[in-house]
N, C-alpha and C. Protein backbone atom coordinates (compact mmCIF):
# COMPACT_ATOMS: atom_id res chain seq x y z
N MET A 1 0.78 -1.28 0.24
CA MET A 1 -0.09 0.02 0.11
C MET A 1 0.82 1.33 -0.13
N SER A 2 0.45 2.23 -0.74
CA SER A 2 1.20 3.20 -0.87
C SER A 2 1.23 4.35 0.16
N TYR A 3 1.68 5.49 0.48
CA TYR A 3 1.57 6.41 1.46
C TYR A 3 0.66 7.29 1.28
N GLN A 4 0.42 7.22 -0.09
CA GLN A 4 -1.14 8.05 -0.21
C GLN A 4 -2.40 7.51 0.12
N ALA A 5 -2.27 6.14 -0.10
CA ALA A 5 -3.57 5.22 -0.03
C ALA A 5 -3.64 5.23 1.58
N LEU A 6 -2.50 5.07 2.26
CA LEU A 6 -2.33 5.01 3.45
C LEU A 6 -3.07 6.40 4.27
N ILE A 7 -2.50 7.27 3.85
CA ILE A 7 -3.22 8.65 4.44
C ILE A 7 -4.59 8.81 4.31
N ASN A 8 -5.03 8.79 3.00
CA ASN A 8 -6.35 8.49 2.49
C ASN A 8 -7.21 7.79 3.30
N LYS A 9 -6.86 6.62 3.58
CA LYS A 9 -7.60 5.70 4.35
C LYS A 9 -7.82 6.15 5.89
N ASN A 10 -6.63 6.78 6.44
CA ASN A 10 -6.44 7.02 7.88
C ASN A 10 -7.52 8.48 7.80
N LEU A 11 -7.50 9.34 6.83
CA LEU A 11 -8.64 10.21 6.99
C LEU A 11 -10.02 9.87 6.81
N ASP A 12 -10.24 9.13 6.06
CA ASP A 12 -11.39 8.31 6.09
C ASP A 12 -11.89 8.05 7.44
N LEU A 13 -11.05 7.43 8.23
CA LEU A 13 -11.43 6.91 9.40
C LEU A 13 -11.29 8.13 10.51
N ALA A 14 -10.47 9.31 9.97
CA ALA A 14 -10.67 10.03 11.27
C ALA A 14 -11.99 10.81 11.13
N PHE A 15 -12.71 11.26 9.80
CA PHE A 15 -13.72 11.55 9.42
C PHE A 15 -14.87 10.87 10.19
N ARG A 16 -14.83 9.42 10.18
CA ARG A 16 -15.95 8.71 10.54
C ARG A 16 -15.82 8.79 12.47
N LYS A 17 -14.72 9.03 12.86
CA LYS A 17 -14.37 9.11 14.25
C LYS A 17 -14.88 10.09 14.74
N ILE A 18 -15.16 11.32 14.29
CA ILE A 18 -15.42 12.68 14.61
C ILE A 18 -16.79 12.89 14.48
N GLN A 19 -17.58 11.85 13.87
CA GLN A 19 -19.22 12.01 13.77
C GLN A 19 -19.54 12.95 13.52
N ASP A 20 -20.37 13.83 14.80
CA ASP A 20 -21.14 14.70 14.07
C ASP A 20 -20.27 16.25 14.19
N LEU A 21 -19.25 16.00 14.48
CA LEU A 21 -18.36 17.38 14.38
C LEU A 21 -18.22 17.51 12.72
N ALA A 22 -18.06 16.53 11.85
CA ALA A 22 -17.94 16.48 10.33
C ALA A 22 -19.56 16.80 9.76
N ILE A 23 -19.73 17.74 9.33
CA ILE A 23 -21.15 18.15 8.84
C ILE A 23 -21.33 17.79 6.99
N GLU A 24 -22.46 17.78 6.98
CA GLU A 24 -22.44 17.67 5.41
C GLU A 24 -22.58 19.24 4.92
N VAL A 25 -21.99 19.42 3.83
CA VAL A 25 -21.96 20.71 3.29
C VAL A 25 -22.30 20.30 1.73
N THR A 26 -22.67 21.44 1.28
CA THR A 26 -22.64 21.28 -0.36
C THR A 26 -22.08 22.27 -1.13
N ILE A 27 -21.26 21.82 -1.63
CA ILE A 27 -20.22 22.45 -2.80
C ILE A 27 -20.79 22.60 -4.07
N THR A 28 -20.76 23.62 -4.58
CA THR A 28 -21.52 24.15 -5.80
C THR A 28 -20.11 24.77 -6.82
N LYS A 29 -19.73 23.81 -7.68
CA LYS A 29 -18.63 24.26 -8.45
C LYS A 29 -19.30 25.08 -9.80
N ASN A 30 -18.57 26.50 -9.95
CA ASN A 30 -19.47 27.41 -10.96
C ASN A 30 -18.08 27.70 -11.86
N SER A 31 -18.66 27.75 -13.20
CA SER A 31 -17.96 28.48 -13.92
C SER A 31 -17.92 29.76 -14.15
N ALA A 32 -17.03 30.83 -14.80
CA ALA A 32 -17.16 31.96 -14.71
C ALA A 32 -16.93 32.67 -15.97
N GLU A 33 -17.42 33.67 -16.27
CA GLU A 33 -17.27 34.54 -17.46
C GLU A 33 -17.29 35.85 -17.03
N PHE A 34 -15.92 36.24 -17.61
CA PHE A 34 -15.74 37.75 -17.33
C PHE A 34 -16.06 38.53 -18.59
N ASP A 35 -17.01 39.66 -18.52
CA ASP A 35 -17.53 40.56 -19.17
C ASP A 35 -16.60 42.01 -19.51
N PHE A 36 -15.86 42.05 -20.29
CA PHE A 36 -15.13 43.21 -20.82
C PHE A 36 -15.67 44.38 -20.92
N ASN A 37 -16.71 44.64 -21.27
CA ASN A 37 -17.80 45.51 -21.65
C ASN A 37 -18.02 46.29 -20.50
N ASN A 38 -18.56 45.32 -19.22
CA ASN A 38 -18.98 46.30 -17.85
C ASN A 38 -18.13 45.72 -16.80
N GLY A 39 -17.17 44.87 -17.35
CA GLY A 39 -16.15 44.60 -15.98
C GLY A 39 -16.61 43.92 -14.99
N THR A 40 -17.87 42.90 -15.32
CA THR A 40 -18.56 42.20 -14.15
C THR A 40 -17.93 40.68 -14.78
N THR A 41 -18.27 39.64 -13.45
CA THR A 41 -17.91 38.15 -13.77
C THR A 41 -19.39 37.62 -13.73
N THR A 42 -19.86 36.72 -14.54
CA THR A 42 -21.01 36.19 -14.22
C THR A 42 -20.70 34.56 -14.01
N THR A 43 -21.04 34.02 -13.17
CA THR A 43 -20.91 32.41 -12.66
C THR A 43 -22.15 31.71 -13.16
N THR A 44 -22.03 30.52 -13.46
CA THR A 44 -23.10 29.50 -13.82
C THR A 44 -22.69 27.98 -12.89
N PRO A 45 -23.56 27.55 -12.21
CA PRO A 45 -23.37 26.34 -11.57
C PRO A 45 -23.14 25.30 -12.49
N ASP A 46 -21.95 24.55 -12.25
CA ASP A 46 -22.00 23.22 -13.32
C ASP A 46 -21.99 21.96 -12.58
N LEU A 47 -21.65 21.96 -11.07
CA LEU A 47 -21.60 20.56 -10.41
C LEU A 47 -22.14 20.80 -9.10
N THR A 48 -23.21 20.07 -8.50
CA THR A 48 -23.28 20.34 -6.98
C THR A 48 -23.08 18.97 -6.45
N LYS A 49 -22.10 18.74 -5.27
CA LYS A 49 -21.58 17.79 -4.52
C LYS A 49 -21.87 17.86 -3.12
N ILE A 50 -22.26 17.09 -2.37
CA ILE A 50 -22.27 17.07 -0.81
C ILE A 50 -21.07 16.28 -0.38
N VAL A 51 -20.23 16.83 0.71
CA VAL A 51 -19.31 16.32 1.12
C VAL A 51 -19.28 16.53 2.70
N LYS A 52 -18.35 15.69 3.23
CA LYS A 52 -18.31 15.95 5.06
C LYS A 52 -17.12 17.05 4.88
N ALA A 53 -17.43 17.97 5.92
CA ALA A 53 -16.69 19.12 6.16
C ALA A 53 -16.65 19.36 7.94
N VAL A 54 -15.33 19.98 8.35
CA VAL A 54 -15.28 20.25 9.42
C VAL A 54 -15.08 21.73 9.52
N ILE A 55 -15.87 22.48 10.26
CA ILE A 55 -15.57 23.90 10.41
C ILE A 55 -14.72 24.27 11.67
N ILE A 56 -13.56 24.80 11.37
CA ILE A 56 -12.52 24.90 12.26
C ILE A 56 -12.86 26.17 12.75
N ASP A 57 -12.81 27.17 12.30
CA ASP A 57 -13.16 28.59 12.98
C ASP A 57 -14.59 29.09 12.44
N ILE A 58 -15.18 29.51 13.78
CA ILE A 58 -16.61 29.96 13.60
C ILE A 58 -16.51 31.75 13.94
N ASN A 59 -17.20 32.09 12.73
CA ASN A 59 -17.99 33.50 13.08
C ASN A 59 -16.58 34.67 13.45
N LYS A 60 -15.83 34.89 12.52
CA LYS A 60 -14.78 35.91 12.72
C LYS A 60 -15.60 36.77 11.99
N GLU A 61 -16.05 37.77 12.70
CA GLU A 61 -16.69 38.89 12.16
C GLU A 61 -16.18 40.28 12.27
N SER A 62 -16.07 40.88 10.87
CA SER A 62 -15.79 42.02 10.65
C SER A 62 -16.36 43.46 11.13
N GLN A 63 -15.70 43.94 12.19
CA GLN A 63 -16.65 45.38 12.08
C GLN A 63 -16.59 46.66 11.36
N GLN A 64 -15.30 46.69 10.61
CA GLN A 64 -15.01 47.62 9.81
C GLN A 64 -15.94 47.24 8.29
N TYR A 65 -15.83 45.76 7.79
CA TYR A 65 -16.63 45.24 6.86
C TYR A 65 -18.10 44.59 7.18
N ASP A 66 -19.21 44.38 6.38
CA ASP A 66 -20.29 43.47 6.75
C ASP A 66 -20.28 42.29 6.60
N TYR A 67 -19.45 41.40 7.04
CA TYR A 67 -19.33 40.03 6.63
C TYR A 67 -19.13 39.46 7.73
N GLN A 68 -19.48 38.00 7.66
CA GLN A 68 -18.93 37.01 8.31
C GLN A 68 -18.33 35.99 7.65
N GLU A 69 -16.91 35.19 8.48
CA GLU A 69 -15.94 34.52 8.07
C GLU A 69 -15.93 33.14 8.92
N ARG A 70 -15.75 31.88 8.17
CA ARG A 70 -15.57 31.01 8.79
C ARG A 70 -14.24 29.97 8.20
N GLN A 71 -13.76 29.12 8.69
CA GLN A 71 -12.74 28.44 8.24
C GLN A 71 -13.26 27.00 8.04
N ILE A 72 -13.02 26.16 7.27
CA ILE A 72 -13.54 24.79 6.98
C ILE A 72 -12.67 24.00 6.15
N MET A 73 -12.79 22.39 6.72
CA MET A 73 -11.61 21.77 6.15
C MET A 73 -12.57 20.50 5.65
N PHE A 74 -12.03 19.85 4.42
CA PHE A 74 -12.43 18.69 3.93
C PHE A 74 -11.73 17.82 2.92
N LYS A 75 -11.93 16.81 2.86
CA LYS A 75 -10.84 15.75 2.23
C LYS A 75 -10.71 16.35 0.85
N SER A 76 -9.52 16.23 0.37
CA SER A 76 -9.17 16.73 -0.79
C SER A 76 -9.58 15.68 -1.75
N GLN A 77 -10.10 13.99 -1.34
CA GLN A 77 -10.19 13.17 -2.51
C GLN A 77 -11.88 13.62 -2.70
N ASP A 78 -12.45 14.29 -1.93
CA ASP A 78 -13.81 14.38 -2.29
C ASP A 78 -14.38 15.43 -3.29
N LEU A 79 -13.58 16.16 -3.77
CA LEU A 79 -13.45 17.21 -4.52
C LEU A 79 -12.24 17.42 -5.13
N ILE A 80 -12.42 17.38 -6.71
CA ILE A 80 -11.05 17.71 -7.47
C ILE A 80 -10.33 19.08 -7.01
N ASP A 81 -11.05 20.25 -7.48
CA ASP A 81 -10.40 21.56 -7.26
C ASP A 81 -11.71 22.43 -6.46
N ILE A 82 -11.07 23.45 -5.83
CA ILE A 82 -12.01 24.68 -5.57
C ILE A 82 -11.48 25.86 -5.96
N THR A 83 -12.20 26.57 -6.38
CA THR A 83 -12.02 27.79 -7.08
C THR A 83 -12.65 29.16 -6.22
N ALA A 84 -12.23 30.41 -6.40
CA ALA A 84 -12.98 31.33 -5.72
C ALA A 84 -14.31 31.66 -6.37
N TYR A 85 -14.69 30.90 -7.33
CA TYR A 85 -16.01 31.30 -8.11
C TYR A 85 -17.19 30.08 -7.26
N ASP A 86 -16.49 29.02 -6.77
CA ASP A 86 -17.38 28.32 -5.92
C ASP A 86 -18.18 28.50 -4.74
N THR A 87 -19.17 27.92 -4.19
CA THR A 87 -19.76 28.29 -3.34
C THR A 87 -19.87 27.21 -2.22
N VAL A 88 -20.33 27.35 -0.96
CA VAL A 88 -20.62 26.38 -0.05
C VAL A 88 -21.77 26.61 0.62
N THR A 89 -22.65 25.73 0.64
CA THR A 89 -23.81 25.63 1.48
C THR A 89 -23.96 24.81 2.61
N ILE A 90 -24.11 25.83 3.91
CA ILE A 90 -24.23 25.04 5.32
C ILE A 90 -25.35 25.39 5.73
N ASP A 91 -26.54 24.51 6.20
CA ASP A 91 -27.87 24.73 6.36
C ASP A 91 -28.38 25.73 6.13
N SER A 92 -28.51 25.58 4.54
CA SER A 92 -29.30 26.47 3.75
C SER A 92 -28.85 28.16 3.46
N GLU A 93 -27.81 28.28 4.19
CA GLU A 93 -27.11 29.36 3.95
C GLU A 93 -25.81 29.18 2.86
N ILE A 94 -25.72 30.14 1.80
CA ILE A 94 -24.73 30.40 1.11
C ILE A 94 -23.50 31.02 1.47
N TRP A 95 -22.32 30.42 1.29
CA TRP A 95 -21.18 31.31 2.01
C TRP A 95 -20.32 31.21 0.51
N LYS A 96 -19.42 32.11 0.06
CA LYS A 96 -18.73 32.51 -0.95
C LYS A 96 -17.29 31.78 -0.38
N ILE A 97 -16.61 31.34 -1.33
CA ILE A 97 -14.97 31.05 -1.15
C ILE A 97 -14.24 32.18 -1.02
N GLY A 98 -13.37 32.33 0.07
CA GLY A 98 -12.46 33.54 0.46
C GLY A 98 -11.40 33.55 -0.36
N THR A 99 -10.34 34.06 0.25
CA THR A 99 -9.25 34.17 -0.53
C THR A 99 -7.80 32.94 -0.28
N ARG A 100 -8.36 32.41 0.99
CA ARG A 100 -7.55 31.19 1.46
C ARG A 100 -7.95 30.24 0.92
N ILE A 101 -7.24 29.44 -0.11
CA ILE A 101 -7.37 28.17 -0.29
C ILE A 101 -6.18 27.23 -0.39
N ASN A 102 -6.02 26.63 0.63
CA ASN A 102 -4.99 25.52 0.73
C ASN A 102 -5.15 24.26 0.73
N ASN A 103 -4.64 23.33 -0.35
CA ASN A 103 -4.63 22.14 -0.57
C ASN A 103 -3.42 21.66 -0.45
N SER A 104 -3.59 20.35 0.58
CA SER A 104 -1.99 19.72 1.02
C SER A 104 -2.13 18.30 0.04
N GLY A 105 -2.92 18.35 -0.79
CA GLY A 105 -3.15 16.96 -1.58
C GLY A 105 -4.14 16.27 -0.75
N PHE A 106 -4.14 16.13 0.54
CA PHE A 106 -5.30 15.37 1.29
C PHE A 106 -6.17 16.08 1.88
N ILE A 107 -6.02 17.32 2.25
CA ILE A 107 -6.69 18.35 3.30
C ILE A 107 -6.86 19.43 2.25
N TYR A 108 -8.29 20.01 2.11
CA TYR A 108 -8.44 21.34 1.64
C TYR A 108 -8.75 22.09 3.14
N LEU A 109 -8.23 23.50 3.14
CA LEU A 109 -8.53 24.34 4.31
C LEU A 109 -8.89 25.61 3.54
N ILE A 110 -10.10 25.97 3.64
CA ILE A 110 -10.49 27.25 3.28
C ILE A 110 -11.25 28.17 4.01
N ASN A 111 -11.00 29.61 3.81
CA ASN A 111 -12.14 30.31 4.31
C ASN A 111 -13.18 30.75 3.56
N ILE A 112 -14.03 30.92 3.99
CA ILE A 112 -15.57 31.05 3.69
C ILE A 112 -16.00 32.23 4.22
N TYR A 113 -17.13 32.87 3.45
CA TYR A 113 -17.67 34.23 3.97
C TYR A 113 -19.02 34.52 3.24
N LYS A 114 -19.67 35.24 4.06
CA LYS A 114 -21.14 35.80 3.59
C LYS A 114 -21.45 37.04 4.28
N ASP A 115 -22.21 37.91 3.21
CA ASP A 115 -22.65 39.34 4.08
C ASP A 115 -23.78 38.97 4.93
N LYS A 116 -23.38 39.94 5.92
CA LYS A 116 -24.53 39.77 7.26
C LYS A 116 -25.88 40.30 6.78
C-alpha cells in the first residue's frame, strides 16, 4: 500500500471517528465568464456535490466590513478542485469562497464568507 493510499484511508477513518463534528455541506462548482464591456463576472453552476466538512473557526466577524467568515476543512479526495467562484452551502446558507484556499493534496483548508 502506498503512503498516499494509507493517508487517505486514515483520513476516512478520522472523519468517521469525529462523527457529528463533520457536517454535510454542499459544494457548488461554478464556471465563470468575465464581461470586458461592463467589468463584471457571471457565474454558472456546473456541479453540486455533498461532502463532509469540519468547521475549524466560526464567526470571525468584521466590524469594519459587513461580513462573517469561517474556516472549513474537508478531504481533497472528495472534490477535485476549489476556486474562488465556487460556493459552500451550510444549513441552507450560501457562503462564498474566500482568499485562502490551501490544498495539501489530502486536506483542503479554505476560508468562506457571507454578507450579514
